[in-house]
Amino acid sequence: MKIFKSLLISTLLVAAMPALAHDEGHGPKLTDSGKFGGLVRAVVEKKEANLGPKAKLHYKAELVRSSAGKVQLYVYDSEMKPVDAAAWEKKAKATAYPHKKGSKSQSFDVTFDGKAFVGQMPEGLGKPFDLDFVFSEKGRELLAAFDNQD
């Protein structure tokens, strides 16, 4: 009987895991495809990131990564048309948060090159990791979060 109860409880817990899982990203869930083959996520105000899907969508961002560690972040409006970010601050900060216990987060700069924010990932980063981009536009901090990167 104890074995049956243990098996039943284990089965119920495993079945409930998807319902308890963290929804990737911060902001509304998007279904858009990237124009350069990358991942598309919501861009929200950093201070609203904890609202999850209820955070207001300001822009969309596409992350394109090369095997050599180069990252490019393209910014689009809600209809996936490129945003002219020339008036924004040219430098932004990206931070990689490894999931591996004991690993430390690593930050690096990305610079706007006229089309995208471009930077180089740090070497030796544990995988998988979350990658957050924080940039400034009109006096507000915006966040694009890409979870579970490998």
C-alpha atoms as a PDB file:
ATOM      1  CA  MET A   1       0.000   0.000   0.000  1.00  0.00           C
ATOM      2  CA  LYS A   2       2.835   2.428   0.847  1.00  0.00           C
ATOM      3  CA  ILE A   3       4.467   1.726  -2.501  1.00  0.00           C
ATOM      4  CA  PHE A   4       1.195   2.447  -4.297  1.00  0.00           C
ATOM      5  CA  LYS A   5       0.740   5.761  -2.433  1.00  0.00           C
ATOM      6  CA  SER A   6       4.321   6.789  -3.180  1.00  0.00           C
ATOM      7  CA  LEU A   7       3.898   5.910  -6.838  1.00  0.00           C
ATOM      8  CA  LEU A   8       0.601   7.805  -7.027  1.00  0.00           C
ATOM      9  CA  ILE A   9       2.048  10.931  -5.384  1.00  0.00           C
ATOM     10  CA  SER A  10       5.124  10.812  -7.633  1.00  0.00           C
ATOM     11  CA  THR A  11       2.953  10.481 -10.730  1.00  0.00           C
ATOM     12  CA  LEU A  12       0.781  13.425  -9.697  1.00  0.00           C
ATOM     13  CA  LEU A  13       3.811  15.625  -8.999  1.00  0.00           C
ATOM     14  CA  VAL A  14       5.422  14.804 -12.339  1.00  0.00           C
ATOM     15  CA  ALA A  15       2.130  15.440 -14.151  1.00  0.00           C
ATOM     16  CA  ALA A  16       1.784  18.841 -12.460  1.00  0.00           C
ATOM     17  CA  MET A  17       5.309  20.027 -13.342  1.00  0.00           C
ATOM     18  CA  PRO A  18       4.352  21.756 -16.624  1.00  0.00           C
ATOM     19  CA  ALA A  19       1.722  23.782 -14.763  1.00  0.00           C
ATOM     20  CA  LEU A  20       4.300  24.867 -12.190  1.00  0.00           C
ATOM     21  CA  ALA A  21       7.064  25.636 -14.700  1.00  0.00           C
ATOM     22  CA  HIS A  22       8.383  29.155 -15.202  1.00  0.00           C
ATOM     23  CA  ASP A  23       7.007  30.769 -18.354  1.00  0.00           C
ATOM     24  CA  GLU A  24      10.006  31.832 -20.419  1.00  0.00           C
ATOM     25  CA  GLY A  25      10.765  35.498 -20.825  1.00  0.00           C
ATOM     26  CA  HIS A  26       9.387  38.634 -19.280  1.00  0.00           C
ATOM     27  CA  GLY A  27       6.420  40.140 -21.009  1.00  0.00           C
ATOM     28  CA  PRO A  28       3.778  38.943 -23.431  1.00  0.00           C
ATOM     29  CA  LYS A  29       4.379  35.612 -25.158  1.00  0.00           C
ATOM     30  CA  LEU A  30       5.160  36.138 -28.856  1.00  0.00           C
ATOM     31  CA  THR A  31       4.758  33.842 -31.845  1.00  0.00           C
ATOM     32  CA  ASP A  32       6.711  35.904 -34.397  1.00  0.00           C
ATOM     33  CA  SER A  33       9.523  34.412 -36.468  1.00  0.00           C
ATOM     34  CA  GLY A  34      12.839  36.232 -36.654  1.00  0.00           C
ATOM     35  CA  LYS A  35      13.853  37.950 -39.879  1.00  0.00           C
ATOM     36  CA  PHE A  36      17.444  36.725 -39.470  1.00  0.00           C
ATOM     37  CA  GLY A  37      16.692  33.260 -38.101  1.00  0.00           C
ATOM     38  CA  GLY A  38      16.894  34.315 -34.461  1.00  0.00           C
ATOM     39  CA  LEU A  39      14.602  34.139 -31.441  1.00  0.00           C
ATOM     40  CA  VAL A  40      11.978  36.862 -30.975  1.00  0.00           C
ATOM     41  CA  ARG A  41      11.014  38.051 -27.492  1.00  0.00           C
ATOM     42  CA  ALA A  42       9.111  40.963 -25.963  1.00  0.00           C
ATOM     43  CA  VAL A  43      10.837  44.206 -24.987  1.00  0.00           C
ATOM     44  CA  VAL A  44       9.317  45.628 -21.810  1.00  0.00           C
ATOM     45  CA  GLU A  45      10.259  48.290 -19.305  1.00  0.00           C
ATOM     46  CA  LYS A  46      12.740  46.781 -16.889  1.00  0.00           C
ATOM     47  CA  LYS A  47      10.673  47.895 -13.896  1.00  0.00           C
ATOM     48  CA  GLU A  48       7.674  45.918 -15.263  1.00  0.00           C
ATOM     49  CA  ALA A  49       9.576  42.686 -15.961  1.00  0.00           C
ATOM     50  CA  ASN A  50       8.219  41.013 -12.830  1.00  0.00           C
ATOM     51  CA  LEU A  51       4.675  41.361 -14.225  1.00  0.00           C
ATOM     52  CA  GLY A  52       5.395  38.548 -16.681  1.00  0.00           C
ATOM     53  CA  PRO A  53       2.849  38.337 -19.510  1.00  0.00           C
ATOM     54  CA  LYS A  54       0.971  41.353 -18.102  1.00  0.00           C
ATOM     55  CA  ALA A  55       3.910  43.709 -18.770  1.00  0.00           C
ATOM     56  CA  LYS A  56       3.288  46.216 -21.562  1.00  0.00           C
ATOM     57  CA  LEU A  57       4.911  45.339 -24.882  1.00  0.00           C
ATOM     58  CA  HIS A  58       7.019  48.288 -26.106  1.00  0.00           C
ATOM     59  CA  TYR A  59       8.988  46.582 -28.859  1.00  0.00           C
ATOM     60  CA  LYS A  60      10.047  43.153 -30.057  1.00  0.00           C
ATOM     61  CA  ALA A  61      13.667  42.001 -30.170  1.00  0.00           C
ATOM     62  CA  GLU A  62      15.341  39.303 -32.246  1.00  0.00           C
ATOM     63  CA  LEU A  63      18.475  37.641 -30.888  1.00  0.00           C
ATOM     64  CA  VAL A  64      20.887  36.225 -33.458  1.00  0.00           C
ATOM     65  CA  ARG A  65      23.934  34.349 -32.123  1.00  0.00           C
ATOM     66  CA  SER A  66      26.912  32.996 -34.043  1.00  0.00           C
ATOM     67  CA  SER A  67      28.907  29.916 -33.074  1.00  0.00           C
ATOM     68  CA  ALA A  68      31.867  32.240 -32.373  1.00  0.00           C
ATOM     69  CA  GLY A  69      29.874  34.024 -29.645  1.00  0.00           C
ATOM     70  CA  LYS A  70      28.860  37.158 -31.552  1.00  0.00           C
ATOM     71  CA  VAL A  71      25.393  38.411 -30.599  1.00  0.00           C
ATOM     72  CA  GLN A  72      23.154  40.754 -32.559  1.00  0.00           C
ATOM     73  CA  LEU A  73      19.931  42.171 -31.148  1.00  0.00           C
ATOM     74  CA  TYR A  74      17.529  43.632 -33.719  1.00  0.00           C
ATOM     75  CA  VAL A  75      14.666  45.795 -32.424  1.00  0.00           C
ATOM     76  CA  TYR A  76      11.239  45.881 -34.103  1.00  0.00           C
ATOM     77  CA  ASP A  77       7.893  47.549 -33.512  1.00  0.00           C
ATOM     78  CA  SER A  78       4.775  45.501 -32.749  1.00  0.00           C
ATOM     79  CA  GLU A  79       4.346  44.706 -36.465  1.00  0.00           C
ATOM     80  CA  MET A  80       7.957  43.461 -36.833  1.00  0.00           C
ATOM     81  CA  LYS A  81       9.112  46.547 -38.736  1.00  0.00           C
ATOM     82  CA  PRO A  82      12.664  47.680 -37.837  1.00  0.00           C
ATOM     83  CA  VAL A  83      12.796  50.462 -35.252  1.00  0.00           C
ATOM     84  CA  ASP A  84      15.123  53.406 -35.854  1.00  0.00           C
ATOM     85  CA  ALA A  85      17.132  53.230 -32.647  1.00  0.00           C
ATOM     86  CA  ALA A  86      19.653  55.865 -33.777  1.00  0.00           C
ATOM     87  CA  ALA A  87      18.419  58.313 -31.100  1.00  0.00           C
ATOM     88  CA  TRP A  88      18.793  55.722 -28.324  1.00  0.00           C
ATOM     89  CA  GLU A  89      21.904  55.348 -26.190  1.00  0.00           C
ATOM     90  CA  LYS A  90      24.489  53.588 -28.363  1.00  0.00           C
ATOM     91  CA  LYS A  91      25.798  51.314 -25.617  1.00  0.00           C
ATOM     92  CA  ALA A  92      23.725  48.751 -23.769  1.00  0.00           C
ATOM     93  CA  LYS A  93      24.459  46.003 -21.283  1.00  0.00           C
ATOM     94  CA  ALA A  94      23.897  42.290 -21.731  1.00  0.00           C
ATOM     95  CA  THR A  95      24.130  39.834 -18.854  1.00  0.00           C
ATOM     96  CA  ALA A  96      24.343  36.051 -19.069  1.00  0.00           C
ATOM     97  CA  TYR A  97      23.007  34.119 -16.079  1.00  0.00           C
ATOM     98  CA  PRO A  98      24.171  30.464 -16.154  1.00  0.00           C
ATOM     99  CA  HIS A  99      21.788  27.909 -14.642  1.00  0.00           C
ATOM    100  CA  LYS A 100      24.622  25.744 -13.295  1.00  0.00           C
ATOM    101  CA  LYS A 101      24.852  25.965  -9.526  1.00  0.00           C
ATOM    102  CA  GLY A 102      27.888  27.967  -8.437  1.00  0.00           C
ATOM    103  CA  SER A 103      28.301  29.716 -11.811  1.00  0.00           C
ATOM    104  CA  LYS A 104      28.476  33.496 -11.783  1.00  0.00           C
ATOM    105  CA  SER A 105      26.664  35.858 -14.100  1.00  0.00           C
ATOM    106  CA  GLN A 106      28.795  37.686 -16.648  1.00  0.00           C
ATOM    107  CA  SER A 107      28.010  41.060 -18.207  1.00  0.00           C
ATOM    108  CA  PHE A 108      29.273  42.452 -21.487  1.00  0.00           C
ATOM    109  CA  ASP A 109      28.672  45.537 -23.609  1.00  0.00           C
ATOM    110  CA  VAL A 110      26.687  45.669 -26.821  1.00  0.00           C
ATOM    111  CA  THR A 111      26.894  48.663 -29.159  1.00  0.00           C
ATOM    112  CA  PHE A 112      24.345  49.904 -31.683  1.00  0.00           C
ATOM    113  CA  ASP A 113      25.889  49.699 -35.182  1.00  0.00           C
ATOM    114  CA  GLY A 114      23.038  51.384 -37.077  1.00  0.00           C
ATOM    115  CA  LYS A 115      21.009  48.184 -37.518  1.00  0.00           C
ATOM    116  CA  ALA A 116      21.412  46.138 -34.339  1.00  0.00           C
ATOM    117  CA  PHE A 117      23.035  46.054 -30.930  1.00  0.00           C
ATOM    118  CA  VAL A 118      26.180  43.952 -31.418  1.00  0.00           C
ATOM    119  CA  GLY A 119      28.560  42.384 -28.905  1.00  0.00           C
ATOM    120  CA  GLN A 120      30.733  39.397 -28.055  1.00  0.00           C
ATOM    121  CA  MET A 121      29.680  36.806 -25.471  1.00  0.00           C
ATOM    122  CA  PRO A 122      32.230  36.027 -22.748  1.00  0.00           C
ATOM    123  CA  GLU A 123      34.076  32.717 -23.123  1.00  0.00           C
ATOM    124  CA  GLY A 124      33.651  29.811 -20.735  1.00  0.00           C
ATOM    125  CA  LEU A 125      30.021  30.519 -19.973  1.00  0.00           C
ATOM    126  CA  GLY A 126      28.169  27.576 -18.397  1.00  0.00           C
ATOM    127  CA  LYS A 127      25.183  26.280 -20.340  1.00  0.00           C
ATOM    128  CA  PRO A 128      22.241  26.618 -20.326  1.00  0.00           C
ATOM    129  CA  PHE A 129      21.931  30.297 -19.434  1.00  0.00           C
ATOM    130  CA  ASP A 130      19.515  33.218 -19.541  1.00  0.00           C
ATOM    131  CA  LEU A 131      20.552  36.289 -21.521  1.00  0.00           C
ATOM    132  CA  ASP A 132      19.148  39.719 -20.618  1.00  0.00           C
ATOM    133  CA  PHE A 133      19.681  42.906 -22.630  1.00  0.00           C
ATOM    134  CA  VAL A 134      19.079  46.267 -20.941  1.00  0.00           C
ATOM    135  CA  PHE A 135      19.128  49.433 -23.048  1.00  0.00           C
ATOM    136  CA  SER A 136      17.893  53.004 -22.658  1.00  0.00           C
ATOM    137  CA  GLU A 137      15.365  54.783 -24.823  1.00  0.00           C
ATOM    138  CA  LYS A 138      13.908  58.210 -24.010  1.00  0.00           C
ATOM    139  CA  GLY A 139      14.969  58.037 -20.367  1.00  0.00           C
ATOM    140  CA  ARG A 140      13.559  54.595 -19.620  1.00  0.00           C
ATOM    141  CA  GLU A 141      15.313  51.257 -19.226  1.00  0.00           C
ATOM    142  CA  LEU A 142      14.054  48.524 -21.519  1.00  0.00           C
ATOM    143  CA  LEU A 143      14.624  44.789 -21.115  1.00  0.00           C
ATOM    144  CA  ALA A 144      14.709  41.955 -23.633  1.00  0.00           C
ATOM    145  CA  ALA A 145      15.099  38.563 -21.905  1.00  0.00           C
ATOM    146  CA  PHE A 146      16.062  35.328 -23.663  1.00  0.00           C
ATOM    147  CA  ASP A 147      15.833  32.326 -21.349  1.00  0.00           C
ATOM    148  CA  ASN A 148      17.344  28.839 -21.628  1.00  0.00           C
ATOM    149  CA  GLN A 149      20.064  29.550 -24.188  1.00  0.00           C
ATOM    150  CA  ASP A 150      22.669  26.886 -24.882  1.00  0.00           C
END
